[in-house]
């Protein structure tokens, strides 16, 4: 299962999946990641296309269109479940630290 391979998500992985809540192509994904993270996270083409291939191979995203070299993708239900699980994990981690760091 994909969750086993992606036990935890890196920041670029997390933001790529967030970007794919709406169908878009690679160039648009890079721009959306930058927007969603307010410029804090940037994904280069090498990282992006390697991650898209792994995500697609594991059923986390699916290709929706292909015109020449331009390919569009969207997150699958499995991918949304994985993203929600990671979101909950991150919340738990920040809650665990709250009393210790404040």
N, C-alpha and C. Protein backbone atom coordinates (compact mmCIF):
# COMPACT_ATOMS: atom_id res chain seq x y z
N UNK A 1 0.84 -1.19 0.00
CA UNK A 1 0.00 0.00 0.00
C UNK A 1 0.88 1.25 0.00
N UNK A 2 0.36 2.32 -0.58
CA UNK A 2 1.13 3.55 -0.71
C UNK A 2 1.52 4.13 0.65
N UNK A 3 0.64 4.05 1.63
CA UNK A 3 0.93 4.66 2.92
C UNK A 3 2.20 4.06 3.53
N UNK A 4 2.43 2.76 3.31
CA UNK A 4 3.63 2.13 3.85
C UNK A 4 4.88 2.74 3.21
N UNK A 5 4.83 2.96 1.89
CA UNK A 5 5.98 3.56 1.21
C UNK A 5 6.15 5.01 1.64
N UNK A 6 5.04 5.72 1.83
CA UNK A 6 5.07 7.13 2.20
C UNK A 6 4.63 7.26 3.65
N UNK A 7 5.36 6.60 4.56
CA UNK A 7 4.99 6.58 5.97
C UNK A 7 4.79 7.99 6.51
N UNK A 8 5.70 8.87 6.19
CA UNK A 8 5.53 10.30 6.48
C UNK A 8 5.86 11.03 5.19
N UNK A 9 5.28 12.18 5.02
CA UNK A 9 5.51 12.94 3.80
C UNK A 9 6.50 14.06 4.05
N UNK A 10 7.36 14.28 3.08
CA UNK A 10 8.24 15.45 3.15
C UNK A 10 7.39 16.68 2.85
N UNK A 11 7.93 17.86 3.14
CA UNK A 11 7.18 19.08 2.83
C UNK A 11 6.83 19.17 1.34
N UNK A 12 7.77 18.94 0.44
CA UNK A 12 7.40 19.00 -0.98
C UNK A 12 6.29 18.01 -1.33
N UNK A 13 6.35 16.80 -0.80
CA UNK A 13 5.30 15.81 -1.08
C UNK A 13 3.94 16.31 -0.60
N UNK A 14 3.91 16.81 0.61
CA UNK A 14 2.68 17.31 1.22
C UNK A 14 2.07 18.42 0.37
N UNK A 15 2.90 19.38 -0.02
CA UNK A 15 2.40 20.51 -0.80
C UNK A 15 2.03 20.13 -2.23
N UNK A 16 2.72 19.18 -2.81
CA UNK A 16 2.34 18.69 -4.14
C UNK A 16 0.93 18.09 -4.08
N UNK A 17 0.67 17.29 -3.06
CA UNK A 17 -0.65 16.69 -2.92
C UNK A 17 -1.72 17.74 -2.65
N UNK A 18 -1.40 18.74 -1.84
CA UNK A 18 -2.35 19.83 -1.63
C UNK A 18 -2.67 20.53 -2.94
N UNK A 19 -1.64 20.77 -3.74
CA UNK A 19 -1.83 21.44 -5.04
C UNK A 19 -2.74 20.62 -5.95
N UNK A 20 -2.67 19.30 -5.81
CA UNK A 20 -3.44 18.42 -6.68
C UNK A 20 -4.86 18.16 -6.20
N UNK A 21 -5.32 18.93 -5.23
CA UNK A 21 -6.72 18.87 -4.86
C UNK A 21 -7.56 19.39 -6.03
N UNK A 22 -6.93 20.14 -6.91
CA UNK A 22 -7.54 20.57 -8.16
C UNK A 22 -6.63 20.08 -9.29
N UNK A 23 -7.22 19.66 -10.37
CA UNK A 23 -6.46 19.16 -11.51
C UNK A 23 -5.51 20.24 -12.04
N UNK A 24 -4.26 19.85 -12.26
CA UNK A 24 -3.31 20.78 -12.87
C UNK A 24 -2.11 20.03 -13.44
N UNK A 25 -1.33 20.75 -14.22
CA UNK A 25 -0.13 20.19 -14.84
C UNK A 25 1.10 20.57 -14.02
N UNK A 26 2.24 20.04 -14.41
CA UNK A 26 3.48 20.22 -13.66
C UNK A 26 3.85 21.65 -13.36
N UNK A 27 3.83 22.52 -14.38
CA UNK A 27 4.20 23.92 -14.17
C UNK A 27 3.24 24.57 -13.19
N UNK A 28 1.95 24.26 -13.33
CA UNK A 28 0.96 24.82 -12.40
C UNK A 28 1.15 24.28 -10.98
N UNK A 29 1.54 23.02 -10.85
CA UNK A 29 1.79 22.44 -9.53
C UNK A 29 2.91 23.20 -8.84
N UNK A 30 4.00 23.46 -9.56
CA UNK A 30 5.13 24.19 -8.97
C UNK A 30 4.69 25.57 -8.48
N UNK A 31 3.86 26.25 -9.26
CA UNK A 31 3.38 27.58 -8.88
C UNK A 31 2.43 27.49 -7.69
N UNK A 32 1.54 26.50 -7.68
CA UNK A 32 0.60 26.34 -6.57
C UNK A 32 1.32 26.02 -5.26
N UNK A 33 2.35 25.18 -5.32
CA UNK A 33 3.13 24.86 -4.13
C UNK A 33 3.71 26.14 -3.55
N UNK A 34 4.27 26.96 -4.41
CA UNK A 34 4.85 28.24 -3.98
C UNK A 34 3.78 29.13 -3.36
N UNK A 35 2.60 29.18 -3.98
CA UNK A 35 1.50 30.01 -3.45
C UNK A 35 0.98 29.50 -2.12
N UNK A 36 0.67 28.21 -2.05
CA UNK A 36 0.10 27.62 -0.83
C UNK A 36 1.04 27.80 0.35
N UNK A 37 2.35 27.62 0.10
CA UNK A 37 3.34 27.73 1.19
C UNK A 37 3.83 29.17 1.38
N UNK A 38 3.21 30.10 0.67
CA UNK A 38 3.60 31.52 0.74
C UNK A 38 5.08 31.70 0.42
N UNK A 39 5.57 30.92 -0.55
CA UNK A 39 6.94 31.04 -1.01
C UNK A 39 7.97 30.27 -0.20
N UNK A 40 7.55 29.66 0.89
CA UNK A 40 8.49 28.94 1.76
C UNK A 40 8.99 27.65 1.13
N UNK A 41 8.13 26.98 0.35
CA UNK A 41 8.51 25.71 -0.27
C UNK A 41 8.48 25.89 -1.79
N UNK A 42 9.56 25.50 -2.42
CA UNK A 42 9.64 25.53 -3.88
C UNK A 42 10.04 24.14 -4.35
N UNK A 43 9.41 23.69 -5.40
CA UNK A 43 9.68 22.36 -5.94
C UNK A 43 10.22 22.53 -7.34
N UNK A 44 11.41 21.97 -7.58
CA UNK A 44 12.00 22.01 -8.91
C UNK A 44 11.44 20.90 -9.78
N UNK A 45 11.68 21.00 -11.08
CA UNK A 45 11.13 20.01 -12.01
C UNK A 45 11.61 18.58 -11.73
N UNK A 46 12.87 18.40 -11.38
CA UNK A 46 13.39 17.06 -11.12
C UNK A 46 12.67 16.39 -9.97
N UNK A 47 12.54 17.12 -8.87
CA UNK A 47 11.84 16.60 -7.69
C UNK A 47 10.37 16.36 -8.02
N UNK A 48 9.75 17.33 -8.68
CA UNK A 48 8.33 17.22 -8.98
C UNK A 48 8.02 16.00 -9.84
N UNK A 49 8.73 15.83 -10.94
CA UNK A 49 8.39 14.74 -11.85
C UNK A 49 8.73 13.37 -11.27
N UNK A 50 9.76 13.30 -10.43
CA UNK A 50 10.07 12.04 -9.74
C UNK A 50 8.93 11.70 -8.77
N UNK A 51 8.44 12.71 -8.04
CA UNK A 51 7.36 12.47 -7.08
C UNK A 51 6.05 12.13 -7.80
N UNK A 52 5.76 12.82 -8.89
CA UNK A 52 4.53 12.52 -9.63
C UNK A 52 4.54 11.07 -10.11
N UNK A 53 5.68 10.61 -10.60
CA UNK A 53 5.78 9.22 -11.08
C UNK A 53 5.54 8.24 -9.93
N UNK A 54 6.15 8.50 -8.76
CA UNK A 54 5.95 7.60 -7.60
C UNK A 54 4.51 7.64 -7.11
N UNK A 55 3.95 8.84 -7.04
CA UNK A 55 2.56 8.96 -6.59
C UNK A 55 1.62 8.25 -7.55
N UNK A 56 1.83 8.43 -8.85
CA UNK A 56 0.95 7.78 -9.83
C UNK A 56 1.09 6.26 -9.77
N UNK A 57 2.32 5.79 -9.66
CA UNK A 57 2.60 4.36 -9.58
C UNK A 57 1.90 3.72 -8.38
N UNK A 58 1.75 4.48 -7.30
CA UNK A 58 1.14 3.97 -6.07
C UNK A 58 -0.33 4.34 -5.90
N UNK A 59 -0.94 4.90 -6.93
CA UNK A 59 -2.36 5.20 -6.88
C UNK A 59 -2.73 6.40 -6.02
N UNK A 60 -1.76 7.24 -5.71
CA UNK A 60 -1.99 8.42 -4.88
C UNK A 60 -2.57 9.56 -5.73
N UNK A 61 -2.16 9.61 -6.99
CA UNK A 61 -2.69 10.57 -7.95
C UNK A 61 -3.00 9.80 -9.23
N UNK A 62 -3.72 10.45 -10.14
CA UNK A 62 -3.94 9.84 -11.45
C UNK A 62 -3.78 10.90 -12.53
N UNK A 63 -3.32 10.47 -13.69
CA UNK A 63 -3.19 11.35 -14.83
C UNK A 63 -4.57 11.59 -15.40
N UNK A 64 -4.89 12.85 -15.69
CA UNK A 64 -6.22 13.17 -16.22
C UNK A 64 -6.16 13.58 -17.68
N UNK A 65 -5.01 14.03 -18.14
CA UNK A 65 -4.88 14.46 -19.54
C UNK A 65 -3.41 14.44 -19.93
N UNK A 66 -3.20 14.28 -21.22
CA UNK A 66 -1.83 14.31 -21.75
C UNK A 66 -1.89 14.88 -23.16
N UNK A 67 -1.27 16.04 -23.32
CA UNK A 67 -1.19 16.70 -24.62
C UNK A 67 0.28 16.98 -24.91
N UNK A 68 0.88 16.16 -25.75
CA UNK A 68 2.31 16.29 -25.99
C UNK A 68 3.07 15.99 -24.72
N UNK A 69 3.92 16.93 -24.32
CA UNK A 69 4.69 16.75 -23.09
C UNK A 69 3.93 17.21 -21.85
N UNK A 70 2.84 17.90 -22.04
CA UNK A 70 2.05 18.45 -20.92
C UNK A 70 1.09 17.38 -20.39
N UNK A 71 1.25 17.07 -19.09
CA UNK A 71 0.40 16.08 -18.43
C UNK A 71 -0.27 16.72 -17.24
N UNK A 72 -1.54 16.42 -17.06
CA UNK A 72 -2.29 16.94 -15.92
C UNK A 72 -2.63 15.78 -14.98
N UNK A 73 -2.72 16.11 -13.69
CA UNK A 73 -2.97 15.12 -12.66
C UNK A 73 -3.99 15.65 -11.67
N UNK A 74 -4.54 14.71 -10.88
CA UNK A 74 -5.40 15.07 -9.74
C UNK A 74 -5.20 14.00 -8.66
N UNK A 75 -5.41 14.38 -7.43
CA UNK A 75 -5.26 13.45 -6.31
C UNK A 75 -6.42 12.45 -6.32
N UNK A 76 -6.17 11.22 -5.92
CA UNK A 76 -7.20 10.19 -5.82
C UNK A 76 -7.78 10.17 -4.40
N UNK A 77 -8.82 9.40 -4.19
CA UNK A 77 -9.38 9.25 -2.84
C UNK A 77 -8.33 8.67 -1.90
N UNK A 78 -7.56 7.71 -2.40
CA UNK A 78 -6.47 7.13 -1.60
C UNK A 78 -5.46 8.22 -1.21
N UNK A 79 -5.15 9.08 -2.15
CA UNK A 79 -4.23 10.19 -1.88
C UNK A 79 -4.80 11.16 -0.87
N UNK A 80 -6.09 11.45 -0.98
CA UNK A 80 -6.73 12.35 -0.01
C UNK A 80 -6.70 11.75 1.39
N UNK A 81 -6.95 10.44 1.48
CA UNK A 81 -6.87 9.77 2.79
C UNK A 81 -5.47 9.89 3.37
N UNK A 82 -4.46 9.68 2.53
CA UNK A 82 -3.08 9.77 2.97
C UNK A 82 -2.75 11.20 3.42
N UNK A 83 -3.23 12.19 2.67
CA UNK A 83 -2.99 13.59 3.01
C UNK A 83 -3.67 13.96 4.33
N UNK A 84 -4.90 13.49 4.52
CA UNK A 84 -5.61 13.75 5.79
C UNK A 84 -4.88 13.11 6.97
N UNK A 85 -4.39 11.90 6.77
CA UNK A 85 -3.66 11.22 7.83
C UNK A 85 -2.39 11.98 8.20
N UNK A 86 -1.69 12.48 7.19
CA UNK A 86 -0.48 13.27 7.45
C UNK A 86 -0.84 14.57 8.16
N UNK A 87 -1.92 15.20 7.77
CA UNK A 87 -2.38 16.43 8.41
C UNK A 87 -2.65 16.18 9.90
N UNK A 88 -3.35 15.09 10.20
CA UNK A 88 -3.62 14.74 11.61
C UNK A 88 -2.33 14.46 12.37
N UNK A 89 -1.37 13.80 11.73
CA UNK A 89 -0.08 13.51 12.36
C UNK A 89 0.65 14.80 12.71
N UNK A 90 0.62 15.76 11.80
CA UNK A 90 1.29 17.05 12.05
C UNK A 90 0.61 17.81 13.18
N UNK A 91 -0.70 17.77 13.24
CA UNK A 91 -1.42 18.43 14.34
C UNK A 91 -1.05 17.78 15.67
N UNK A 92 -1.01 16.46 15.71
CA UNK A 92 -0.64 15.75 16.93
C UNK A 92 0.76 16.14 17.38
N UNK A 93 1.67 16.23 16.44
CA UNK A 93 3.05 16.61 16.79
C UNK A 93 3.11 18.01 17.39
N UNK A 94 2.36 18.96 16.80
CA UNK A 94 2.40 20.31 17.35
C UNK A 94 1.71 20.37 18.71
N UNK A 95 0.65 19.60 18.89
CA UNK A 95 -0.01 19.56 20.20
C UNK A 95 0.90 18.94 21.26
N UNK A 96 1.65 17.91 20.88
CA UNK A 96 2.59 17.28 21.81
C UNK A 96 3.66 18.27 22.27
N UNK A 97 4.06 19.15 21.40
CA UNK A 97 5.13 20.10 21.72
C UNK A 97 4.63 21.35 22.44
N UNK A 98 3.36 21.63 22.34
CA UNK A 98 2.81 22.88 22.86
C UNK A 98 3.22 23.16 24.30
N UNK A 99 2.98 22.27 25.20
CA UNK A 99 3.28 22.48 26.61
C UNK A 99 4.79 22.50 26.91
N UNK A 100 5.55 21.85 26.09
CA UNK A 100 6.99 21.78 26.33
C UNK A 100 7.76 22.98 25.79
N UNK A 101 7.25 23.60 24.76
CA UNK A 101 7.99 24.69 24.12
C UNK A 101 7.49 26.08 24.49
N UNK A 102 6.33 26.14 25.13
CA UNK A 102 5.79 27.46 25.47
C UNK A 102 6.26 27.92 26.82
